[in-house]
Amino acid sequence: MLSEWRALRTFSLLMALGLSGCASWFADNTLDPQVHLLKVEVVRARLLEQRFMLYFRVNNPNDSDLTVRGLVYRIHLSEFLLAEGESSKWFTVDPKSSGYFQVPIRTNLWQHLREVVKLLKKPDQPIPYYLEGTLETGIFIGNDVHLAHYGEIIPGDLIPE
């Protein structure tokens, strides 16, 4: 009984000493990656369905690999919601480098046809857009990086001649 008590006490002491450094195991001094929308490409534009390809760059400022598990997004064009969805493509960005990925989107602008026609009357005038979302990173312990990006597109650049 005495040896069991001694073993239990020794084990408790080791656990206390070991767990005192546990906080440093979870201290996270890594920087959030930066996400940039590089390009919006029109894939197909029909009356009831429009398809676009969004091109993104993810910058990893840290000294370790960054695993990206996906992107949840909402895109507003001017005053209306253009598209929302989720991409679940996994990829890894090397330390201190950039990775690129594409997200196909499909939408139906029929309900916003009047607004779109007004915006397209002046193809050289920029149209504001807003991208919001969450970049899902990490393998075992997830770290969601929230993003918000304002920008402009020029419709004349997207319309083939």
C-alpha atoms as a PDB file:
ATOM      1  CA  MET A   1       0.000   0.000   0.000  1.00  0.00           C
ATOM      2  CA  LEU A   2       2.859   2.353   0.852  1.00  0.00           C
ATOM      3  CA  SER A   3       4.550   1.730  -2.505  1.00  0.00           C
ATOM      4  CA  GLU A   4       1.269   2.426  -4.325  1.00  0.00           C
ATOM      5  CA  TRP A   5       0.876   5.659  -2.376  1.00  0.00           C
ATOM      6  CA  ARG A   6       4.449   6.657  -3.196  1.00  0.00           C
ATOM      7  CA  ALA A   7       3.919   5.828  -6.891  1.00  0.00           C
ATOM      8  CA  LEU A   8       0.700   7.872  -6.937  1.00  0.00           C
ATOM      9  CA  ARG A   9       2.428  10.819  -5.263  1.00  0.00           C
ATOM     10  CA  THR A  10       5.363  10.648  -7.668  1.00  0.00           C
ATOM     11  CA  PHE A  11       3.003  10.435 -10.630  1.00  0.00           C
ATOM     12  CA  SER A  12       1.015  13.447  -9.344  1.00  0.00           C
ATOM     13  CA  LEU A  13       4.209  15.438  -8.892  1.00  0.00           C
ATOM     14  CA  LEU A  14       5.371  14.615 -12.414  1.00  0.00           C
ATOM     15  CA  MET A  15       1.966  15.552 -13.826  1.00  0.00           C
ATOM     16  CA  ALA A  16       2.009  18.881 -12.006  1.00  0.00           C
ATOM     17  CA  LEU A  17       5.504  19.644 -13.275  1.00  0.00           C
ATOM     18  CA  GLY A  18       4.635  18.518 -16.789  1.00  0.00           C
ATOM     19  CA  LEU A  19       1.358  20.423 -16.963  1.00  0.00           C
ATOM     20  CA  SER A  20       2.947  23.647 -15.774  1.00  0.00           C
ATOM     21  CA  GLY A  21       4.566  23.920 -19.211  1.00  0.00           C
ATOM     22  CA  CYS A  22       1.349  22.965 -20.971  1.00  0.00           C
ATOM     23  CA  ALA A  23       0.324  26.580 -21.451  1.00  0.00           C
ATOM     24  CA  SER A  24       3.357  27.096 -23.643  1.00  0.00           C
ATOM     25  CA  TRP A  25       2.272  24.159 -25.796  1.00  0.00           C
ATOM     26  CA  PHE A  26      -0.830  26.070 -26.817  1.00  0.00           C
ATOM     27  CA  ALA A  27       0.644  29.570 -26.929  1.00  0.00           C
ATOM     28  CA  ASP A  28       0.176  30.610 -30.506  1.00  0.00           C
ATOM     29  CA  ASN A  29       2.434  33.362 -31.754  1.00  0.00           C
ATOM     30  CA  THR A  30       1.807  32.624 -35.431  1.00  0.00           C
ATOM     31  CA  LEU A  31       0.532  35.318 -37.746  1.00  0.00           C
ATOM     32  CA  ASP A  32      -2.708  34.984 -39.687  1.00  0.00           C
ATOM     33  CA  PRO A  33      -2.293  34.347 -43.407  1.00  0.00           C
ATOM     34  CA  GLN A  34      -3.347  37.070 -45.810  1.00  0.00           C
ATOM     35  CA  VAL A  35      -5.913  36.239 -48.498  1.00  0.00           C
ATOM     36  CA  HIS A  36      -6.158  38.273 -51.707  1.00  0.00           C
ATOM     37  CA  LEU A  37      -8.715  38.064 -54.499  1.00  0.00           C
ATOM     38  CA  LEU A  38      -6.582  38.374 -57.637  1.00  0.00           C
ATOM     39  CA  LYS A  39      -8.999  37.990 -60.504  1.00  0.00           C
ATOM     40  CA  VAL A  40     -12.628  37.353 -61.417  1.00  0.00           C
ATOM     41  CA  GLU A  41     -13.062  35.505 -64.694  1.00  0.00           C
ATOM     42  CA  VAL A  42     -16.360  35.085 -66.530  1.00  0.00           C
ATOM     43  CA  VAL A  43     -16.638  31.427 -67.539  1.00  0.00           C
ATOM     44  CA  ARG A  44     -20.163  31.481 -68.938  1.00  0.00           C
ATOM     45  CA  ALA A  45     -22.885  34.109 -68.963  1.00  0.00           C
ATOM     46  CA  ARG A  46     -26.377  32.997 -69.912  1.00  0.00           C
ATOM     47  CA  LEU A  47     -29.743  34.463 -69.099  1.00  0.00           C
ATOM     48  CA  LEU A  48     -30.532  32.245 -66.100  1.00  0.00           C
ATOM     49  CA  GLU A  49     -27.040  31.144 -65.055  1.00  0.00           C
ATOM     50  CA  GLN A  50     -23.702  32.860 -64.782  1.00  0.00           C
ATOM     51  CA  ARG A  51     -20.449  31.091 -63.946  1.00  0.00           C
ATOM     52  CA  PHE A  52     -17.338  32.782 -62.678  1.00  0.00           C
ATOM     53  CA  MET A  53     -13.913  31.644 -61.536  1.00  0.00           C
ATOM     54  CA  LEU A  54     -12.380  33.449 -58.568  1.00  0.00           C
ATOM     55  CA  TYR A  55      -8.588  33.393 -58.273  1.00  0.00           C
ATOM     56  CA  PHE A  56      -7.080  33.751 -54.796  1.00  0.00           C
ATOM     57  CA  ARG A  57      -3.594  34.021 -53.324  1.00  0.00           C
ATOM     58  CA  VAL A  58      -2.822  32.986 -49.736  1.00  0.00           C
ATOM     59  CA  ASN A  59       0.354  34.422 -48.186  1.00  0.00           C
ATOM     60  CA  ASN A  60       1.868  32.395 -45.324  1.00  0.00           C
ATOM     61  CA  PRO A  61       4.038  34.727 -43.185  1.00  0.00           C
ATOM     62  CA  ASN A  62       5.018  31.983 -40.715  1.00  0.00           C
ATOM     63  CA  ASP A  63       7.964  29.592 -40.409  1.00  0.00           C
ATOM     64  CA  SER A  64       5.802  26.473 -40.671  1.00  0.00           C
ATOM     65  CA  ASP A  65       3.538  24.949 -43.310  1.00  0.00           C
ATOM     66  CA  LEU A  66      -0.013  26.261 -43.537  1.00  0.00           C
ATOM     67  CA  THR A  67      -2.706  23.707 -44.320  1.00  0.00           C
ATOM     68  CA  VAL A  68      -5.817  25.236 -45.880  1.00  0.00           C
ATOM     69  CA  ARG A  69      -8.982  23.141 -45.563  1.00  0.00           C
ATOM     70  CA  GLY A  70     -11.407  25.389 -47.386  1.00  0.00           C
ATOM     71  CA  LEU A  71     -13.096  28.716 -47.799  1.00  0.00           C
ATOM     72  CA  VAL A  72     -16.610  29.825 -46.867  1.00  0.00           C
ATOM     73  CA  TYR A  73     -17.515  32.979 -48.801  1.00  0.00           C
ATOM     74  CA  ARG A  74     -20.153  35.595 -49.632  1.00  0.00           C
ATOM     75  CA  ILE A  75     -19.697  38.037 -52.505  1.00  0.00           C
ATOM     76  CA  HIS A  76     -21.735  41.209 -52.811  1.00  0.00           C
ATOM     77  CA  LEU A  77     -21.759  43.107 -56.089  1.00  0.00           C
ATOM     78  CA  SER A  78     -22.757  46.719 -55.553  1.00  0.00           C
ATOM     79  CA  GLU A  79     -25.859  46.422 -53.349  1.00  0.00           C
ATOM     80  CA  PHE A  80     -26.891  42.779 -53.870  1.00  0.00           C
ATOM     81  CA  LEU A  81     -25.607  39.319 -52.998  1.00  0.00           C
ATOM     82  CA  LEU A  82     -23.901  37.820 -56.032  1.00  0.00           C
ATOM     83  CA  ALA A  83     -22.961  34.423 -54.638  1.00  0.00           C
ATOM     84  CA  GLU A  84     -22.273  32.494 -51.468  1.00  0.00           C
ATOM     85  CA  GLY A  85     -20.881  29.071 -50.923  1.00  0.00           C
ATOM     86  CA  GLU A  86     -18.094  26.881 -49.700  1.00  0.00           C
ATOM     87  CA  SER A  87     -14.955  25.478 -51.258  1.00  0.00           C
ATOM     88  CA  SER A  88     -13.439  22.432 -49.579  1.00  0.00           C
ATOM     89  CA  LYS A  89     -10.211  22.082 -51.532  1.00  0.00           C
ATOM     90  CA  TRP A  90      -7.260  21.166 -49.293  1.00  0.00           C
ATOM     91  CA  PHE A  91      -3.752  22.426 -50.045  1.00  0.00           C
ATOM     92  CA  THR A  92      -0.571  23.370 -48.218  1.00  0.00           C
ATOM     93  CA  VAL A  93       1.326  26.653 -48.416  1.00  0.00           C
ATOM     94  CA  ASP A  94       5.047  26.452 -47.689  1.00  0.00           C
ATOM     95  CA  PRO A  95       6.584  28.663 -44.989  1.00  0.00           C
ATOM     96  CA  LYS A  96       7.193  32.295 -45.983  1.00  0.00           C
ATOM     97  CA  SER A  97       5.579  31.794 -49.403  1.00  0.00           C
ATOM     98  CA  SER A  98       2.288  32.024 -51.288  1.00  0.00           C
ATOM     99  CA  GLY A  99      -0.208  29.497 -52.550  1.00  0.00           C
ATOM    100  CA  TYR A 100      -2.869  29.952 -55.204  1.00  0.00           C
ATOM    101  CA  PHE A 101      -6.301  28.434 -55.563  1.00  0.00           C
ATOM    102  CA  GLN A 102      -9.447  28.866 -57.635  1.00  0.00           C
ATOM    103  CA  VAL A 103     -13.086  28.822 -56.599  1.00  0.00           C
ATOM    104  CA  PRO A 104     -15.790  28.291 -59.224  1.00  0.00           C
ATOM    105  CA  ILE A 105     -19.066  30.073 -58.497  1.00  0.00           C
ATOM    106  CA  ARG A 106     -22.441  29.807 -60.135  1.00  0.00           C
ATOM    107  CA  THR A 107     -25.219  32.321 -59.720  1.00  0.00           C
ATOM    108  CA  ASN A 108     -28.476  33.548 -61.235  1.00  0.00           C
ATOM    109  CA  LEU A 109     -28.694  37.305 -61.616  1.00  0.00           C
ATOM    110  CA  TRP A 110     -32.219  37.219 -63.071  1.00  0.00           C
ATOM    111  CA  GLN A 111     -33.756  38.667 -59.890  1.00  0.00           C
ATOM    112  CA  HIS A 112     -31.261  41.550 -60.027  1.00  0.00           C
ATOM    113  CA  LEU A 113     -31.478  42.111 -63.772  1.00  0.00           C
ATOM    114  CA  ARG A 114     -32.518  45.787 -63.526  1.00  0.00           C
ATOM    115  CA  GLU A 115     -29.642  46.639 -61.220  1.00  0.00           C
ATOM    116  CA  VAL A 116     -27.159  44.732 -63.376  1.00  0.00           C
ATOM    117  CA  VAL A 117     -28.360  46.492 -66.547  1.00  0.00           C
ATOM    118  CA  LYS A 118     -27.936  49.869 -64.813  1.00  0.00           C
ATOM    119  CA  LEU A 119     -24.412  48.917 -63.757  1.00  0.00           C
ATOM    120  CA  LEU A 120     -23.495  47.724 -67.253  1.00  0.00           C
ATOM    121  CA  LYS A 121     -24.735  50.881 -69.039  1.00  0.00           C
ATOM    122  CA  LYS A 122     -21.352  52.436 -68.335  1.00  0.00           C
ATOM    123  CA  PRO A 123     -18.870  49.582 -68.894  1.00  0.00           C
ATOM    124  CA  ASP A 124     -15.882  51.792 -68.059  1.00  0.00           C
ATOM    125  CA  GLN A 125     -17.263  52.779 -64.635  1.00  0.00           C
ATOM    126  CA  PRO A 126     -16.041  50.549 -61.787  1.00  0.00           C
ATOM    127  CA  ILE A 127     -18.554  48.459 -59.827  1.00  0.00           C
ATOM    128  CA  PRO A 128     -17.775  47.939 -56.134  1.00  0.00           C
ATOM    129  CA  TYR A 129     -17.751  44.458 -54.683  1.00  0.00           C
ATOM    130  CA  TYR A 130     -17.328  43.075 -51.189  1.00  0.00           C
ATOM    131  CA  LEU A 131     -15.930  39.649 -50.375  1.00  0.00           C
ATOM    132  CA  GLU A 132     -16.387  38.273 -46.876  1.00  0.00           C
ATOM    133  CA  GLY A 133     -15.621  34.838 -45.614  1.00  0.00           C
ATOM    134  CA  THR A 134     -13.616  32.461 -43.515  1.00  0.00           C
ATOM    135  CA  LEU A 135     -10.445  30.661 -44.544  1.00  0.00           C
ATOM    136  CA  GLU A 136     -10.354  27.345 -42.667  1.00  0.00           C
ATOM    137  CA  THR A 137      -6.805  26.325 -41.766  1.00  0.00           C
ATOM    138  CA  GLY A 138      -5.079  23.717 -39.627  1.00  0.00           C
ATOM    139  CA  ILE A 139      -5.274  19.947 -39.466  1.00  0.00           C
ATOM    140  CA  PHE A 140      -5.946  18.897 -35.869  1.00  0.00           C
ATOM    141  CA  ILE A 141      -6.526  22.267 -34.272  1.00  0.00           C
ATOM    142  CA  GLY A 142      -8.448  24.473 -36.668  1.00  0.00           C
ATOM    143  CA  ASN A 143      -7.780  28.176 -36.968  1.00  0.00           C
ATOM    144  CA  ASP A 144     -10.409  30.066 -38.913  1.00  0.00           C
ATOM    145  CA  VAL A 145      -9.156  33.284 -40.471  1.00  0.00           C
ATOM    146  CA  HIS A 146     -11.913  35.804 -41.143  1.00  0.00           C
ATOM    147  CA  LEU A 147     -11.489  37.932 -44.218  1.00  0.00           C
ATOM    148  CA  ALA A 148     -13.135  40.976 -45.700  1.00  0.00           C
ATOM    149  CA  HIS A 149     -12.062  42.547 -48.959  1.00  0.00           C
ATOM    150  CA  TYR A 150     -13.452  45.552 -50.768  1.00  0.00           C
ATOM    151  CA  GLY A 151     -12.610  46.114 -54.410  1.00  0.00           C
ATOM    152  CA  GLU A 152     -13.853  47.209 -57.791  1.00  0.00           C
ATOM    153  CA  ILE A 153     -14.310  45.504 -61.117  1.00  0.00           C
ATOM    154  CA  ILE A 154     -14.608  47.232 -64.461  1.00  0.00           C
ATOM    155  CA  PRO A 155     -17.286  45.505 -66.555  1.00  0.00           C
ATOM    156  CA  GLY A 156     -15.631  46.481 -69.828  1.00  0.00           C
ATOM    157  CA  ASP A 157     -12.599  44.394 -68.853  1.00  0.00           C
ATOM    158  CA  LEU A 158     -14.792  41.294 -68.411  1.00  0.00           C
ATOM    159  CA  ILE A 159     -16.825  41.579 -71.615  1.00  0.00           C
ATOM    160  CA  PRO A 160     -15.083  39.914 -74.565  1.00  0.00           C
ATOM    161  CA  GLU A 161     -14.962  41.916 -77.759  1.00  0.00           C
END
